[in-house]
Amino acid sequence: MGTISKPKLTWSGRTVIGVPYLWLLLFFMLPFLIVVKISISEMETVVFKDLITWTDGVLQLRFKLSNYLFITQDDLYFKTYLASLKYAGITTAFCLLIGYPFAYFMARAAKAVQPALLMMVMLPFWTSFLLRVYAWKGLLTEGGWVATVLDALHVDSVLMALNLIPGPGQYMNTPFSLVLGMVYTYLPFMILPLYANLSKMDMRLLEAASDLGATPWVAFWKVTVPLSRAGIVAGSMLVFIPCVGEFVIPELLGGPQTLMIGRVLWDEFFANNDWPMASSVAVVMILLILVPLALFNKAQADQEAHR
C-alpha cells in the first residue's frame, strides 16, 4: 500500500499563514522581549546598563533578578494580582450573564432588524471611552439620576449587606462602581462574538430536539449552549484579558479598596520612576494570563483531536 503524502503549501498559502505570525512577532513578541530586557536590567538615572559587556577579553552577562524576587516577597503585588483577577472574573461573569440573552435574541430576531440591533450594540464605541467612564462619575455621585433611582429602589441597603458600598447612597469609589463601569465598558466585547456564533447556528438541530421530545429549556441547555461554546470562550477572553490590566476605570470609578495591578504599574513607571520593577510586574502579569490560556487552548485542541 502506498503512503499518502501531505499536500505542500503553495506560496499564497505560506503568505496567508505567515502574515499573522509576522504581525504577532512585530507587535507582541518584540515589545514583550524589550520589556523583559528592561526588567532584568539595572537603571542609572534615565539609562539602562548593558546586559552583555566585553571588558579586557572577558564576556560578562548581568541579569538583575532581584525585582522578580521582590514581587514574591511583597504582599502588595500578590494582593493586587488577586484583586485584578477577582474583578476581571466578576466582570466576565456579569458580561456573560447579561450578554448571552442579548446575543441570543439578536440572533433570533428578524433578518431585517438584526443590523439595527447590531448598530445599537456598537453605538457606544462612537463616543470616547474616557468620556463614557467620566459620565458614570456624574451618574453615580449624589444627585445623579442613577444614584437617585438606586436610592428610590433601596438598592443601597442590599449593596451594603454585600459590602460593596460603605454607606447609604455612597456608590462612587467602591467595588460596586468599579464593576458597574467595567461591565458597561466591556459588555459589547462579549455580545459581538456570541452573536456571530449564535447567528450561524443550524436551527434544524433545535427542531430535531423538539421532535425527540425535548422542551425549549432542555433544547437550549443541551443544544444551543454547547454549540455556542466557541463564542463564550472568545467573548470571555476578550473581556477578561483587558480587565486584568485595566487602569482608567479603577482610577476614575474605583477607590482604595479596589487597587488593581494597572494602578501599581502606573505608580512604578511614573511615580517611582522604577522602570525595571514596573517591567517585572508587567511580565509576571502577562505570564499569569497567557500561560493558563495557552494550556487551556492546548487541552481544548487535544480534546477536539480525540473526538
Protein backbone atom coordinates (compact mmCIF):
# COMPACT_ATOMS: atom_id res chain seq x y z
CA MET A 1 0.00 0.00 0.00
CA GLY A 2 1.31 3.42 -0.89
CA THR A 3 1.70 6.17 1.63
CA ILE A 4 -0.41 9.29 1.40
CA SER A 5 1.79 12.34 1.07
CA LYS A 6 0.84 15.55 2.78
CA PRO A 7 -0.12 18.39 0.43
CA LYS A 8 2.57 21.02 0.05
CA LEU A 9 1.80 24.62 0.92
CA THR A 10 1.77 26.99 -2.02
CA TRP A 11 3.36 30.44 -1.97
CA SER A 12 -0.03 32.06 -1.34
CA GLY A 13 -0.74 29.57 1.46
CA ARG A 14 2.57 30.36 3.16
CA THR A 15 1.80 34.07 2.85
CA VAL A 16 -1.62 33.71 4.42
CA ILE A 17 -0.15 31.73 7.32
CA GLY A 18 2.94 33.92 7.66
CA VAL A 19 1.22 37.32 7.87
CA PRO A 20 -0.43 36.67 11.29
CA TYR A 21 2.85 35.29 12.65
CA LEU A 22 4.73 38.34 11.37
CA TRP A 23 2.12 40.60 12.97
CA LEU A 24 2.47 38.83 16.33
CA LEU A 25 6.26 38.95 16.08
CA LEU A 26 6.40 42.70 15.38
CA PHE A 27 3.65 43.93 17.67
CA PHE A 28 3.70 41.43 20.53
CA MET A 29 6.86 39.34 20.76
CA LEU A 30 9.40 42.10 20.12
CA PRO A 31 7.78 44.61 22.53
CA PHE A 32 7.46 41.84 25.11
CA LEU A 33 11.15 40.97 24.76
CA ILE A 34 12.03 44.65 25.19
CA VAL A 35 10.01 44.73 28.42
CA VAL A 36 11.75 41.54 29.59
CA LYS A 37 15.14 43.13 28.85
CA ILE A 38 14.24 46.22 30.90
CA SER A 39 13.00 44.05 33.77
CA ILE A 40 16.40 42.35 34.18
CA SER A 41 18.49 45.48 33.61
CA GLU A 42 19.99 47.90 36.10
CA MET A 43 18.85 51.50 35.74
CA GLU A 44 21.09 54.52 36.19
CA THR A 45 19.08 57.78 36.19
CA VAL A 46 17.44 57.57 32.74
CA VAL A 47 19.62 54.93 31.05
CA PHE A 48 19.94 51.16 31.40
CA LYS A 49 23.18 49.25 31.78
CA ASP A 50 24.07 46.79 29.03
CA LEU A 51 23.21 43.18 29.76
CA ILE A 52 26.25 41.94 27.83
CA THR A 53 29.63 43.60 28.24
CA TRP A 54 33.11 42.79 26.90
CA THR A 55 35.88 44.02 29.18
CA ASP A 56 39.53 43.04 28.93
CA GLY A 57 38.69 39.93 26.94
CA VAL A 58 36.03 38.85 29.43
CA LEU A 59 32.42 38.46 28.35
CA GLN A 60 30.05 39.33 31.18
CA LEU A 61 26.30 38.73 31.41
CA ARG A 62 24.48 40.79 34.04
CA PHE A 63 20.88 39.86 34.72
CA LYS A 64 19.17 41.58 37.63
CA LEU A 65 16.57 39.16 39.04
CA SER A 66 16.01 40.92 42.35
CA ASN A 67 12.84 42.59 41.05
CA TYR A 68 11.18 39.21 40.48
CA LEU A 69 12.26 38.05 43.93
CA PHE A 70 10.84 41.23 45.45
CA ILE A 71 7.48 40.58 43.77
CA THR A 72 7.25 37.20 45.52
CA GLN A 73 8.16 38.76 48.89
CA ASP A 74 5.94 41.87 48.89
CA ASP A 75 2.27 41.28 49.73
CA LEU A 76 1.22 44.37 47.76
CA TYR A 77 1.84 42.71 44.39
CA PHE A 78 0.22 39.45 45.41
CA LYS A 79 -2.90 41.22 46.68
CA THR A 80 -3.19 43.44 43.61
CA TYR A 81 -2.75 40.46 41.29
CA LEU A 82 -5.53 38.62 43.13
CA ALA A 83 -7.74 41.72 43.13
CA SER A 84 -7.21 42.16 39.38
CA LEU A 85 -8.08 38.53 38.69
CA LYS A 86 -11.11 38.73 41.01
CA TYR A 87 -12.60 41.87 39.46
CA ALA A 88 -11.82 40.64 35.94
CA GLY A 89 -13.55 37.32 36.70
CA ILE A 90 -16.60 39.03 38.21
CA THR A 91 -16.83 41.40 35.23
CA THR A 92 -16.57 38.49 32.79
CA ALA A 93 -19.29 36.55 34.61
CA PHE A 94 -21.69 39.53 34.61
CA CYS A 95 -20.95 40.29 30.96
CA LEU A 96 -21.75 36.67 30.09
CA LEU A 97 -24.98 36.66 32.11
CA ILE A 98 -26.14 39.91 30.52
CA GLY A 99 -24.60 39.49 27.07
CA TYR A 100 -25.80 35.96 26.30
CA PRO A 101 -29.53 36.84 26.34
CA PHE A 102 -28.76 39.97 24.28
CA ALA A 103 -26.85 37.96 21.67
CA TYR A 104 -29.44 35.16 21.70
CA PHE A 105 -32.40 37.42 20.95
CA MET A 106 -30.37 39.41 18.40
CA ALA A 107 -29.58 36.18 16.56
CA ARG A 108 -33.25 35.10 16.70
CA ALA A 109 -34.62 38.46 15.59
CA ALA A 110 -35.82 39.09 12.04
CA LYS A 111 -33.02 39.46 9.50
CA ALA A 112 -34.19 42.98 8.66
CA VAL A 113 -33.88 44.06 12.32
CA GLN A 114 -30.51 42.48 13.12
CA PRO A 115 -28.34 45.24 11.53
CA ALA A 116 -30.13 47.87 13.65
CA LEU A 117 -29.66 45.81 16.82
CA LEU A 118 -26.01 45.29 15.97
CA MET A 119 -25.60 49.02 15.44
CA MET A 120 -27.12 49.72 18.88
CA VAL A 121 -24.56 47.41 20.50
CA MET A 122 -21.70 49.18 18.69
CA LEU A 123 -23.10 52.70 19.24
CA PRO A 124 -21.14 53.35 22.49
CA PHE A 125 -17.89 52.97 20.53
CA TRP A 126 -18.75 56.19 18.69
CA THR A 127 -18.11 58.08 21.93
CA SER A 128 -14.73 58.39 23.60
CA PHE A 129 -14.02 55.66 26.14
CA LEU A 130 -12.78 58.25 28.61
CA LEU A 131 -15.93 60.37 28.27
CA ARG A 132 -18.15 57.37 28.88
CA VAL A 133 -16.27 56.50 32.07
CA TYR A 134 -16.42 60.12 33.24
CA ALA A 135 -20.17 60.11 32.59
CA TRP A 136 -20.60 57.36 35.16
CA LYS A 137 -18.98 59.61 37.77
CA GLY A 138 -21.80 62.10 37.29
CA LEU A 139 -24.45 59.38 37.21
CA LEU A 140 -23.33 57.67 40.42
CA THR A 141 -22.45 60.69 42.55
CA GLU A 142 -25.03 62.15 44.94
CA GLY A 143 -27.76 63.79 42.86
CA GLY A 144 -27.02 61.75 39.74
CA TRP A 145 -30.10 60.14 38.28
CA VAL A 146 -28.71 56.59 38.52
CA ALA A 147 -27.86 57.16 42.21
CA THR A 148 -31.34 58.64 42.74
CA VAL A 149 -33.04 55.62 41.16
CA LEU A 150 -30.93 53.20 43.21
CA ASP A 151 -31.82 55.10 46.39
CA ALA A 152 -35.53 55.03 45.50
CA LEU A 153 -35.37 51.26 44.98
CA HIS A 154 -33.39 50.82 48.24
CA VAL A 155 -30.65 49.03 46.34
CA ASP A 156 -28.07 50.65 48.60
CA SER A 157 -29.17 48.50 51.54
CA VAL A 158 -28.55 45.35 49.51
CA LEU A 159 -25.16 46.63 48.35
CA MET A 160 -24.22 47.50 51.94
CA ALA A 161 -25.13 43.98 53.05
CA LEU A 162 -22.84 42.62 50.34
CA ASN A 163 -20.07 45.01 51.48
CA LEU A 164 -19.95 46.62 48.03
CA ILE A 165 -20.54 50.18 49.28
CA PRO A 166 -19.55 51.73 52.65
CA GLY A 167 -22.81 53.56 53.40
CA PRO A 168 -26.25 54.60 52.12
CA GLY A 169 -26.06 56.36 48.76
CA GLN A 170 -22.25 56.12 48.58
CA TYR A 171 -21.85 54.48 45.20
CA MET A 172 -18.70 56.16 43.91
CA ASN A 173 -15.16 54.87 44.55
CA THR A 174 -16.44 51.46 45.61
CA PRO A 175 -16.25 47.91 44.27
CA PHE A 176 -19.81 48.42 43.01
CA SER A 177 -18.91 51.42 40.84
CA LEU A 178 -15.79 49.66 39.58
CA VAL A 179 -17.61 46.50 38.47
CA LEU A 180 -20.51 48.52 37.04
CA GLY A 181 -18.13 50.62 34.94
CA MET A 182 -16.18 47.63 33.68
CA VAL A 183 -19.31 45.63 32.82
CA TYR A 184 -20.74 48.60 30.93
CA THR A 185 -17.49 49.16 29.04
CA TYR A 186 -16.71 45.57 28.08
CA LEU A 187 -20.24 44.21 27.52
CA PRO A 188 -20.11 44.73 23.72
CA PHE A 189 -16.95 42.62 23.57
CA MET A 190 -18.99 39.73 24.97
CA ILE A 191 -22.10 40.29 22.85
CA LEU A 192 -20.41 40.51 19.45
CA PRO A 193 -18.62 37.09 19.45
CA LEU A 194 -21.69 35.41 20.91
CA TYR A 195 -23.93 36.98 18.27
CA ALA A 196 -21.55 35.93 15.48
CA ASN A 197 -21.62 32.35 16.81
CA LEU A 198 -25.35 32.09 17.52
CA SER A 199 -26.41 33.65 14.21
CA LYS A 200 -24.67 30.81 12.32
CA MET A 201 -26.28 28.01 14.31
CA ASP A 202 -28.36 25.49 12.35
CA MET A 203 -31.93 25.88 13.58
CA ARG A 204 -32.82 22.41 12.32
CA LEU A 205 -30.97 20.99 15.32
CA LEU A 206 -33.48 22.63 17.65
CA GLU A 207 -36.34 21.29 15.54
CA ALA A 208 -34.84 17.81 15.78
CA ALA A 209 -34.52 18.14 19.55
CA SER A 210 -38.15 19.23 19.76
CA ASP A 211 -39.25 16.27 17.63
CA LEU A 212 -37.40 13.98 20.05
CA GLY A 213 -39.40 15.37 22.97
CA ALA A 214 -37.05 17.99 24.37
CA THR A 215 -38.62 21.05 25.94
CA PRO A 216 -37.36 24.50 24.82
CA TRP A 217 -35.37 24.85 28.05
CA VAL A 218 -33.74 21.40 27.66
CA ALA A 219 -33.00 22.10 24.00
CA PHE A 220 -31.36 25.38 24.99
CA TRP A 221 -29.03 23.74 27.52
CA LYS A 222 -28.34 20.58 25.50
CA VAL A 223 -28.06 22.09 22.01
CA THR A 224 -27.69 25.88 21.96
CA VAL A 225 -25.24 26.36 24.83
CA PRO A 226 -22.79 23.59 23.75
CA LEU A 227 -22.81 24.84 20.15
CA SER A 228 -22.11 28.39 21.32
CA ARG A 229 -19.12 27.37 23.45
CA ALA A 230 -16.66 28.90 20.97
CA GLY A 231 -18.45 32.26 21.25
CA ILE A 232 -18.49 32.02 25.05
CA VAL A 233 -14.76 31.33 25.19
CA ALA A 234 -13.92 34.08 22.68
CA GLY A 235 -16.11 36.65 24.45
CA SER A 236 -14.76 35.71 27.87
CA MET A 237 -11.18 36.13 26.69
CA LEU A 238 -11.95 39.48 25.06
CA VAL A 239 -13.39 40.70 28.37
CA PHE A 240 -11.14 39.01 30.94
CA ILE A 241 -7.72 39.79 29.45
CA PRO A 242 -8.06 43.60 29.17
CA CYS A 243 -9.91 43.77 32.50
CA VAL A 244 -6.92 42.31 34.35
CA GLY A 245 -4.67 45.19 33.29
CA GLU A 246 -7.36 47.91 33.33
CA PHE A 247 -6.18 51.25 34.71
CA VAL A 248 -8.61 54.02 33.67
CA ILE A 249 -11.80 52.57 35.17
CA PRO A 250 -10.27 51.63 38.57
CA GLU A 251 -8.63 55.06 38.70
CA LEU A 252 -11.83 57.02 37.95
CA LEU A 253 -14.54 54.81 39.44
CA GLY A 254 -12.72 52.62 41.97
CA GLY A 255 -11.36 53.52 45.37
CA PRO A 256 -8.68 52.39 47.84
CA GLN A 257 -10.48 49.06 48.23
CA THR A 258 -10.16 48.36 44.51
CA LEU A 259 -6.42 48.70 43.96
CA MET A 260 -5.57 46.73 40.82
CA ILE A 261 -2.32 45.85 39.12
CA GLY A 262 -2.78 48.54 36.46
CA ARG A 263 -2.51 51.26 39.10
CA VAL A 264 0.57 49.59 40.60
CA LEU A 265 2.18 49.58 37.15
CA TRP A 266 1.39 53.28 36.72
CA ASP A 267 2.91 54.13 40.11
CA GLU A 268 6.08 52.14 39.40
CA PHE A 269 6.55 53.72 35.98
CA PHE A 270 5.66 57.35 36.65
CA ALA A 271 5.58 57.94 40.42
CA ASN A 272 8.62 55.86 41.43
CA ASN A 273 10.32 56.07 38.01
CA ASP A 274 11.41 52.46 38.53
CA TRP A 275 11.10 51.03 35.03
CA PRO A 276 12.80 47.66 35.75
CA MET A 277 10.39 46.99 38.62
CA ALA A 278 7.38 48.05 36.56
CA SER A 279 8.53 45.88 33.67
CA SER A 280 8.91 42.90 36.02
CA VAL A 281 5.35 43.39 37.25
CA ALA A 282 4.14 43.59 33.64
CA VAL A 283 6.00 40.42 32.63
CA VAL A 284 4.56 38.45 35.55
CA MET A 285 1.07 39.75 34.76
CA ILE A 286 1.34 38.70 31.11
CA LEU A 287 2.65 35.25 32.01
CA LEU A 288 -0.10 34.73 34.60
CA ILE A 289 -2.65 35.40 31.85
CA LEU A 290 -1.09 33.78 28.80
CA VAL A 291 0.26 30.55 30.30
CA PRO A 292 -3.12 29.33 31.65
CA LEU A 293 -4.81 30.37 28.39
CA ALA A 294 -2.22 28.50 26.34
CA LEU A 295 -2.67 25.37 28.46
CA PHE A 296 -6.45 25.70 28.17
CA ASN A 297 -6.29 26.06 24.38
CA LYS A 298 -3.97 23.06 24.12
CA ALA A 299 -6.34 20.97 26.21
CA GLN A 300 -9.25 22.07 24.02
CA ALA A 301 -7.32 21.20 20.87
CA ASP A 302 -6.35 17.78 22.24
CA GLN A 303 -9.97 17.13 23.20
CA GLU A 304 -11.18 18.05 19.72
CA ALA A 305 -8.48 15.88 18.11
CA HIS A 306 -9.58 12.79 20.08
CA ARG A 307 -13.21 13.14 19.08
